[in-house]
Amino acid sequence: MKDQDHEVEVLSSLEVRGREAMTASKAPVLVAVDFSADSEAGLLWACNYAEAIDAPLEILHVVHDPADSPGTYKPNGDNPLEPMVDVAQRKLGQFLEQVDRSNPQLSGLERAKQICVPGLPAQRILDIAQARGAGLLVMGTRRRNGLGRFLQGSIASEVARQADFPVTIVKADGG
């Protein structure tokens, strides 16, 4: 018994890292989207990465109607009292359909789990990533610079600073 315990303790660091990598590869790749071109770039990157490591893909949208762009979740004419979360879920489905049509080579998007939750984006993204046991969080980032970045910051930067798990930040080409 003692010999077996000793053998477990002397596993090489390479073997331990290999086992950790195998475990981490089954953790979901979580990508947060806000329907922007940058979040589309993050989604494409996440799809390709999840496929490469054979990990499940989860797509998160945090429902938040910011003061600087109200009306993001405007209900359609049929039901003016439609809840924001329902509108957001519909918009997420439309966004994913558009991404799928624009990228026919993309695989894995149809199997991805979709998550739509209300809240303040940075904290909810962190909470959901933690709760889902994400092996990697992927986010697109908007091209704020100068005064706008100073005053508002970046949700992706805030999440990356606070996260205790890997985060990849992606920008769309041309920015």
Protein backbone atom coordinates (compact mmCIF):
# COMPACT_ATOMS: atom_id res chain seq x y z
CA MET A 1 0.00 0.00 0.00
CA LYS A 2 2.77 2.41 0.93
CA ASP A 3 4.64 1.57 -2.30
CA GLN A 4 1.56 2.33 -4.37
CA ASP A 5 1.12 5.68 -2.59
CA HIS A 6 4.75 6.48 -3.29
CA GLU A 7 4.34 5.65 -6.98
CA VAL A 8 1.43 8.07 -7.25
CA GLU A 9 3.47 10.83 -5.62
CA VAL A 10 6.37 10.44 -8.05
CA LEU A 11 4.41 10.88 -11.27
CA SER A 12 6.39 13.13 -13.54
CA SER A 13 5.15 16.66 -14.00
CA LEU A 14 4.64 15.82 -17.68
CA GLU A 15 2.22 13.01 -16.77
CA VAL A 16 0.36 15.28 -14.35
CA ARG A 17 0.06 18.05 -16.97
CA GLY A 18 -1.11 15.49 -19.51
CA ARG A 19 -3.85 14.31 -17.18
CA GLU A 20 -4.85 17.90 -16.43
CA ALA A 21 -5.00 18.67 -20.16
CA MET A 22 -7.23 15.64 -20.78
CA THR A 23 -9.56 16.75 -18.00
CA ALA A 24 -9.55 20.37 -19.15
CA SER A 25 -10.29 19.36 -22.76
CA LYS A 26 -13.69 18.05 -21.67
CA ALA A 27 -14.56 21.28 -19.88
CA PRO A 28 -16.73 23.49 -22.07
CA VAL A 29 -15.41 26.37 -24.10
CA LEU A 30 -17.70 29.25 -23.17
CA VAL A 31 -18.01 32.20 -25.53
CA ALA A 32 -19.81 35.39 -24.55
CA VAL A 33 -21.55 37.21 -27.40
CA ASP A 34 -23.24 40.60 -27.73
CA PHE A 35 -24.19 40.34 -31.44
CA SER A 36 -21.32 42.63 -32.53
CA ALA A 37 -18.75 41.88 -35.23
CA ASP A 38 -16.15 41.41 -32.51
CA SER A 39 -18.28 38.87 -30.66
CA GLU A 40 -18.83 37.08 -33.97
CA ALA A 41 -15.03 36.87 -34.35
CA GLY A 42 -14.84 35.47 -30.82
CA LEU A 43 -17.57 32.94 -31.62
CA LEU A 44 -15.77 31.75 -34.77
CA TRP A 45 -12.52 31.39 -32.85
CA ALA A 46 -14.26 29.52 -30.02
CA CYS A 47 -16.02 27.14 -32.46
CA ASN A 48 -12.74 26.25 -34.13
CA TYR A 49 -10.92 25.85 -30.83
CA ALA A 50 -13.65 23.70 -29.25
CA GLU A 51 -13.64 21.46 -32.31
CA ALA A 52 -9.83 21.19 -32.25
CA ILE A 53 -9.76 20.02 -28.63
CA ASP A 54 -13.03 18.05 -28.86
CA ALA A 55 -14.71 20.13 -26.14
CA PRO A 56 -18.33 21.16 -25.89
CA LEU A 57 -19.14 24.73 -26.93
CA GLU A 58 -21.46 26.94 -24.90
CA ILE A 59 -22.65 30.34 -26.11
CA LEU A 60 -23.60 32.95 -23.51
CA HIS A 61 -25.46 36.19 -23.95
CA VAL A 62 -26.03 38.44 -20.95
CA VAL A 63 -29.23 40.44 -21.28
CA HIS A 64 -28.46 44.02 -20.32
CA ASP A 65 -30.10 47.13 -21.75
CA PRO A 66 -27.35 49.73 -21.29
CA ALA A 67 -28.15 53.40 -20.86
CA ASP A 68 -25.92 54.32 -23.81
CA SER A 69 -27.93 52.18 -26.26
CA PRO A 70 -31.47 51.61 -24.98
CA GLY A 71 -33.84 49.54 -27.05
CA THR A 72 -31.44 46.71 -27.81
CA TYR A 73 -34.17 44.26 -26.83
CA LYS A 74 -37.14 46.03 -28.40
CA PRO A 75 -40.08 43.60 -28.67
CA ASN A 76 -41.56 42.90 -32.07
CA GLY A 77 -44.88 44.50 -33.00
CA ASP A 78 -46.93 41.40 -32.15
CA ASN A 79 -46.25 41.55 -28.42
CA PRO A 80 -45.09 44.92 -27.04
CA LEU A 81 -44.90 43.40 -23.53
CA GLU A 82 -42.57 40.55 -24.52
CA PRO A 83 -39.94 40.07 -21.77
CA MET A 84 -36.40 41.23 -22.57
CA VAL A 85 -35.00 37.73 -22.01
CA ASP A 86 -37.38 36.29 -24.63
CA VAL A 87 -36.40 39.00 -27.11
CA ALA A 88 -32.71 38.35 -26.35
CA GLN A 89 -33.12 34.60 -26.89
CA ARG A 90 -34.74 35.25 -30.26
CA LYS A 91 -31.95 37.70 -31.19
CA LEU A 92 -29.34 35.14 -30.13
CA GLY A 93 -30.95 32.52 -32.38
CA GLN A 94 -31.01 34.98 -35.30
CA PHE A 95 -27.38 35.96 -34.66
CA LEU A 96 -26.29 32.31 -34.65
CA GLU A 97 -28.26 31.57 -37.85
CA GLN A 98 -26.58 34.54 -39.58
CA VAL A 99 -23.12 33.40 -38.40
CA ASP A 100 -23.85 29.86 -39.58
CA ARG A 101 -25.03 31.08 -43.04
CA SER A 102 -21.98 33.33 -43.42
CA ASN A 103 -19.56 30.56 -42.42
CA PRO A 104 -20.66 27.30 -44.07
CA GLN A 105 -17.32 25.65 -43.18
CA LEU A 106 -18.05 26.12 -39.48
CA SER A 107 -18.95 23.00 -37.55
CA GLY A 108 -20.15 22.55 -34.02
CA LEU A 109 -22.38 25.61 -33.87
CA GLU A 110 -25.56 23.54 -34.19
CA ARG A 111 -24.53 21.41 -31.19
CA ALA A 112 -23.64 24.38 -28.98
CA LYS A 113 -25.60 25.01 -25.82
CA GLN A 114 -27.18 28.47 -25.76
CA ILE A 115 -27.39 30.37 -22.48
CA CYS A 116 -29.25 33.67 -22.09
CA VAL A 117 -29.26 35.31 -18.66
CA PRO A 118 -30.05 38.80 -17.35
CA GLY A 119 -27.55 40.85 -15.38
CA LEU A 120 -24.55 43.14 -15.51
CA PRO A 121 -22.33 41.63 -18.19
CA ALA A 122 -18.88 41.39 -16.56
CA GLN A 123 -20.05 39.81 -13.31
CA ARG A 124 -22.61 37.51 -14.93
CA ILE A 125 -20.05 36.26 -17.45
CA LEU A 126 -17.68 35.44 -14.60
CA ASP A 127 -20.45 33.78 -12.57
CA ILE A 128 -21.69 31.65 -15.47
CA ALA A 129 -18.17 30.62 -16.52
CA GLN A 130 -17.46 29.53 -12.96
CA ALA A 131 -20.79 27.72 -12.58
CA ARG A 132 -20.40 25.91 -15.93
CA GLY A 133 -16.80 24.90 -15.14
CA ALA A 134 -15.53 26.52 -18.32
CA GLY A 135 -12.08 25.37 -19.40
CA LEU A 136 -11.76 28.55 -21.44
CA LEU A 137 -13.77 31.74 -21.77
CA VAL A 138 -13.67 33.49 -25.16
CA MET A 139 -14.84 37.05 -25.70
CA GLY A 140 -14.80 39.52 -28.52
CA THR A 141 -13.90 43.05 -27.56
CA ARG A 142 -15.17 46.29 -28.96
CA ARG A 143 -12.74 48.79 -30.39
CA ARG A 144 -13.05 51.51 -27.79
CA ASN A 145 -10.04 53.72 -27.41
CA GLY A 146 -9.10 57.06 -25.94
CA LEU A 147 -11.66 58.75 -23.74
CA GLY A 148 -14.38 56.13 -24.32
CA ARG A 149 -12.13 53.34 -23.05
CA PHE A 150 -11.02 55.47 -20.09
CA LEU A 151 -14.58 56.35 -19.08
CA GLN A 152 -16.29 53.03 -19.81
CA GLY A 153 -13.50 50.48 -19.87
CA SER A 154 -13.94 47.18 -21.62
CA ILE A 155 -16.11 44.35 -20.35
CA ALA A 156 -13.64 41.86 -21.81
CA SER A 157 -10.72 43.56 -20.02
CA GLU A 158 -12.64 43.64 -16.75
CA VAL A 159 -13.54 39.95 -17.04
CA ALA A 160 -9.94 39.02 -17.93
CA ARG A 161 -8.62 40.93 -14.89
CA GLN A 162 -11.03 39.23 -12.49
CA ALA A 163 -11.09 35.70 -13.93
CA ASP A 164 -9.28 32.85 -12.21
CA PHE A 165 -9.52 30.70 -15.36
CA PRO A 166 -8.14 31.15 -18.90
CA VAL A 167 -9.65 33.93 -21.01
CA THR A 168 -9.03 34.59 -24.72
CA ILE A 169 -9.97 37.99 -26.12
CA VAL A 170 -10.58 38.24 -29.87
CA LYS A 171 -10.96 41.28 -32.14
CA ALA A 172 -12.56 41.24 -35.57
CA ASP A 173 -10.23 41.83 -38.51
CA GLY A 174 -9.88 45.38 -39.68
CA GLY A 175 -9.81 46.98 -36.24
